[in-house]
Amino acid sequence: MDLDVLVRDYYRPRVAAYLDLLRGKIASGSSALTDAELDGAYAPIERAFMEAPLPPQPPAEQALDVVRDLLAAD
């Protein structure tokens, strides 16, 4: 169940930040991203993830509901 939190609160925002940054670069005529640009985009996400308390774990019988909610999120 910890994986849903990891995907929802860490990886999904990182992918969104990457795509937003890449779209902006492409719109300006470039597609190259530097490590510094990615670090700047990822740092707030990483900081927020590390500082957030872990949510309580749902009962085992609700595991499928958690996965469905995760997959249905924007």
N, C-alpha and C. Protein backbone atom coordinates (compact mmCIF):
# COMPACT_ATOMS: atom_id res chain seq x y z
N MET A 1 0.82 -1.20 0.00
CA MET A 1 0.00 0.00 0.00
C MET A 1 0.86 1.26 0.00
N ASP A 2 2.10 1.13 0.42
CA ASP A 2 2.98 2.30 0.40
C ASP A 2 3.26 2.76 -1.02
N LEU A 3 3.15 1.86 -1.97
CA LEU A 3 3.46 2.24 -3.36
C LEU A 3 2.47 3.24 -3.92
N ASP A 4 1.21 3.19 -3.51
CA ASP A 4 0.25 4.17 -4.03
C ASP A 4 0.64 5.57 -3.61
N VAL A 5 1.11 5.74 -2.37
CA VAL A 5 1.56 7.05 -1.90
C VAL A 5 2.80 7.48 -2.68
N LEU A 6 3.71 6.57 -2.89
CA LEU A 6 4.93 6.89 -3.63
C LEU A 6 4.63 7.32 -5.05
N VAL A 7 3.75 6.60 -5.72
CA VAL A 7 3.40 6.96 -7.10
C VAL A 7 2.61 8.26 -7.13
N ARG A 8 1.58 8.36 -6.28
CA ARG A 8 0.69 9.53 -6.30
C ARG A 8 1.41 10.81 -5.89
N ASP A 9 2.20 10.76 -4.83
CA ASP A 9 2.76 11.98 -4.25
C ASP A 9 4.21 12.27 -4.64
N TYR A 10 4.88 11.31 -5.28
CA TYR A 10 6.28 11.52 -5.66
C TYR A 10 6.47 11.39 -7.17
N TYR A 11 6.20 10.22 -7.71
CA TYR A 11 6.50 10.01 -9.12
C TYR A 11 5.55 10.74 -10.06
N ARG A 12 4.25 10.72 -9.79
CA ARG A 12 3.31 11.41 -10.68
C ARG A 12 3.63 12.91 -10.76
N PRO A 13 3.87 13.61 -9.64
CA PRO A 13 4.24 15.03 -9.76
C PRO A 13 5.57 15.25 -10.49
N ARG A 14 6.52 14.33 -10.33
CA ARG A 14 7.79 14.46 -11.05
C ARG A 14 7.59 14.32 -12.55
N VAL A 15 6.76 13.37 -12.96
CA VAL A 15 6.48 13.19 -14.39
C VAL A 15 5.77 14.43 -14.93
N ALA A 16 4.80 14.95 -14.17
CA ALA A 16 4.09 16.16 -14.61
C ALA A 16 5.05 17.34 -14.73
N ALA A 17 5.95 17.50 -13.77
CA ALA A 17 6.94 18.59 -13.84
C ALA A 17 7.86 18.42 -15.03
N TYR A 18 8.29 17.20 -15.28
CA TYR A 18 9.16 16.92 -16.43
C TYR A 18 8.45 17.29 -17.74
N LEU A 19 7.21 16.84 -17.88
CA LEU A 19 6.47 17.13 -19.12
C LEU A 19 6.21 18.62 -19.28
N ASP A 20 5.88 19.32 -18.19
CA ASP A 20 5.67 20.77 -18.27
C ASP A 20 6.95 21.47 -18.70
N LEU A 21 8.06 21.08 -18.11
CA LEU A 21 9.34 21.68 -18.46
C LEU A 21 9.70 21.39 -19.91
N LEU A 22 9.50 20.16 -20.34
CA LEU A 22 9.80 19.79 -21.71
C LEU A 22 8.89 20.52 -22.71
N ARG A 23 7.62 20.64 -22.38
CA ARG A 23 6.70 21.39 -23.27
C ARG A 23 7.16 22.84 -23.43
N GLY A 24 7.57 23.44 -22.33
CA GLY A 24 8.06 24.82 -22.39
C GLY A 24 9.32 24.94 -23.23
N LYS A 25 10.22 23.97 -23.09
CA LYS A 25 11.44 23.99 -23.89
C LYS A 25 11.13 23.83 -25.37
N ILE A 26 10.25 22.90 -25.70
CA ILE A 26 9.90 22.67 -27.10
C ILE A 26 9.22 23.90 -27.69
N ALA A 27 8.35 24.54 -26.90
CA ALA A 27 7.68 25.77 -27.37
C ALA A 27 8.67 26.87 -27.66
N SER A 28 9.80 26.87 -26.96
CA SER A 28 10.82 27.90 -27.19
C SER A 28 11.85 27.47 -28.23
N GLY A 29 11.65 26.29 -28.82
CA GLY A 29 12.53 25.84 -29.89
C GLY A 29 13.66 24.93 -29.46
N SER A 30 13.62 24.46 -28.24
CA SER A 30 14.67 23.59 -27.74
C SER A 30 14.03 22.36 -27.08
N SER A 31 14.76 21.27 -27.08
CA SER A 31 14.25 20.08 -26.38
C SER A 31 15.27 19.53 -25.39
N ALA A 32 16.38 20.20 -25.24
CA ALA A 32 17.43 19.75 -24.33
C ALA A 32 17.13 20.24 -22.91
N LEU A 33 17.19 19.32 -21.98
CA LEU A 33 17.01 19.66 -20.57
C LEU A 33 18.33 19.42 -19.84
N THR A 34 18.66 20.32 -18.95
CA THR A 34 19.87 20.15 -18.16
C THR A 34 19.52 19.54 -16.80
N ASP A 35 20.52 18.98 -16.16
CA ASP A 35 20.31 18.45 -14.81
C ASP A 35 19.85 19.55 -13.86
N ALA A 36 20.40 20.74 -14.02
CA ALA A 36 20.04 21.86 -13.15
C ALA A 36 18.56 22.23 -13.30
N GLU A 37 18.06 22.21 -14.52
CA GLU A 37 16.64 22.50 -14.75
C GLU A 37 15.75 21.45 -14.09
N LEU A 38 16.14 20.20 -14.25
CA LEU A 38 15.36 19.12 -13.64
C LEU A 38 15.45 19.18 -12.12
N ASP A 39 16.64 19.45 -11.60
CA ASP A 39 16.80 19.57 -10.15
C ASP A 39 15.90 20.67 -9.59
N GLY A 40 15.84 21.78 -10.30
CA GLY A 40 14.99 22.89 -9.86
C GLY A 40 13.51 22.53 -9.87
N ALA A 41 13.11 21.74 -10.83
CA ALA A 41 11.71 21.33 -10.92
C ALA A 41 11.38 20.23 -9.91
N TYR A 42 12.33 19.36 -9.65
CA TYR A 42 12.08 18.21 -8.77
C TYR A 42 12.26 18.53 -7.29
N ALA A 43 13.10 19.49 -6.95
CA ALA A 43 13.42 19.76 -5.54
C ALA A 43 12.18 20.04 -4.69
N PRO A 44 11.24 20.90 -5.13
CA PRO A 44 10.06 21.15 -4.29
C PRO A 44 9.20 19.90 -4.10
N ILE A 45 9.13 19.07 -5.12
CA ILE A 45 8.36 17.83 -5.04
C ILE A 45 9.00 16.89 -4.02
N GLU A 46 10.29 16.74 -4.11
CA GLU A 46 11.01 15.86 -3.19
C GLU A 46 10.90 16.37 -1.76
N ARG A 47 11.04 17.68 -1.58
CA ARG A 47 10.96 18.27 -0.24
C ARG A 47 9.57 18.05 0.36
N ALA A 48 8.52 18.31 -0.44
CA ALA A 48 7.16 18.12 0.05
C ALA A 48 6.89 16.67 0.40
N PHE A 49 7.39 15.75 -0.42
CA PHE A 49 7.18 14.33 -0.16
C PHE A 49 7.86 13.91 1.14
N MET A 50 9.07 14.36 1.34
CA MET A 50 9.82 13.97 2.53
C MET A 50 9.23 14.57 3.81
N GLU A 51 8.63 15.75 3.70
CA GLU A 51 8.09 16.42 4.88
C GLU A 51 6.67 15.99 5.23
N ALA A 52 5.95 15.42 4.28
CA ALA A 52 4.55 15.03 4.51
C ALA A 52 4.47 13.79 5.39
N PRO A 53 3.55 13.81 6.34
CA PRO A 53 3.37 12.59 7.14
C PRO A 53 2.75 11.50 6.27
N LEU A 54 3.08 10.27 6.60
CA LEU A 54 2.50 9.15 5.87
C LEU A 54 1.03 9.01 6.25
N PRO A 55 0.17 8.80 5.26
CA PRO A 55 -1.25 8.61 5.59
C PRO A 55 -1.46 7.25 6.24
N PRO A 56 -2.54 7.11 7.00
CA PRO A 56 -2.81 5.80 7.60
C PRO A 56 -3.09 4.77 6.51
N GLN A 57 -2.70 3.56 6.76
CA GLN A 57 -2.90 2.48 5.80
C GLN A 57 -4.37 2.02 5.83
N PRO A 58 -4.97 1.82 4.66
CA PRO A 58 -6.36 1.34 4.64
C PRO A 58 -6.40 -0.13 5.02
N PRO A 59 -7.57 -0.59 5.44
CA PRO A 59 -7.72 -2.02 5.70
C PRO A 59 -7.41 -2.81 4.42
N ALA A 60 -6.94 -4.02 4.59
CA ALA A 60 -6.52 -4.85 3.45
C ALA A 60 -7.63 -5.01 2.41
N GLU A 61 -8.87 -5.08 2.85
CA GLU A 61 -9.96 -5.30 1.89
C GLU A 61 -10.20 -4.09 1.00
N GLN A 62 -9.64 -2.95 1.36
CA GLN A 62 -9.81 -1.75 0.54
C GLN A 62 -8.66 -1.53 -0.44
N ALA A 63 -7.75 -2.45 -0.53
CA ALA A 63 -6.58 -2.29 -1.39
C ALA A 63 -6.97 -2.04 -2.84
N LEU A 64 -7.95 -2.75 -3.35
CA LEU A 64 -8.38 -2.54 -4.73
C LEU A 64 -8.97 -1.16 -4.93
N ASP A 65 -9.68 -0.63 -3.95
CA ASP A 65 -10.23 0.72 -4.06
C ASP A 65 -9.11 1.76 -4.16
N VAL A 66 -8.05 1.56 -3.39
CA VAL A 66 -6.91 2.48 -3.42
C VAL A 66 -6.27 2.46 -4.81
N VAL A 67 -6.09 1.28 -5.38
CA VAL A 67 -5.49 1.16 -6.71
C VAL A 67 -6.40 1.79 -7.75
N ARG A 68 -7.70 1.55 -7.65
CA ARG A 68 -8.63 2.17 -8.62
C ARG A 68 -8.59 3.69 -8.53
N ASP A 69 -8.56 4.23 -7.31
CA ASP A 69 -8.48 5.68 -7.14
C ASP A 69 -7.19 6.24 -7.73
N LEU A 70 -6.10 5.54 -7.52
CA LEU A 70 -4.81 5.97 -8.04
C LEU A 70 -4.83 6.00 -9.57
N LEU A 71 -5.37 4.96 -10.18
CA LEU A 71 -5.41 4.89 -11.64
C LEU A 71 -6.39 5.89 -12.24
N ALA A 72 -7.41 6.26 -11.49
CA ALA A 72 -8.42 7.19 -12.01
C ALA A 72 -8.01 8.65 -11.84
N ALA A 73 -7.00 8.93 -11.04
CA ALA A 73 -6.57 10.32 -10.78
C ALA A 73 -6.02 10.94 -12.05
N ASP A 74 -6.17 12.25 -12.12
CA ASP A 74 -5.68 12.99 -13.30
C ASP A 74 -4.20 12.97 -13.36
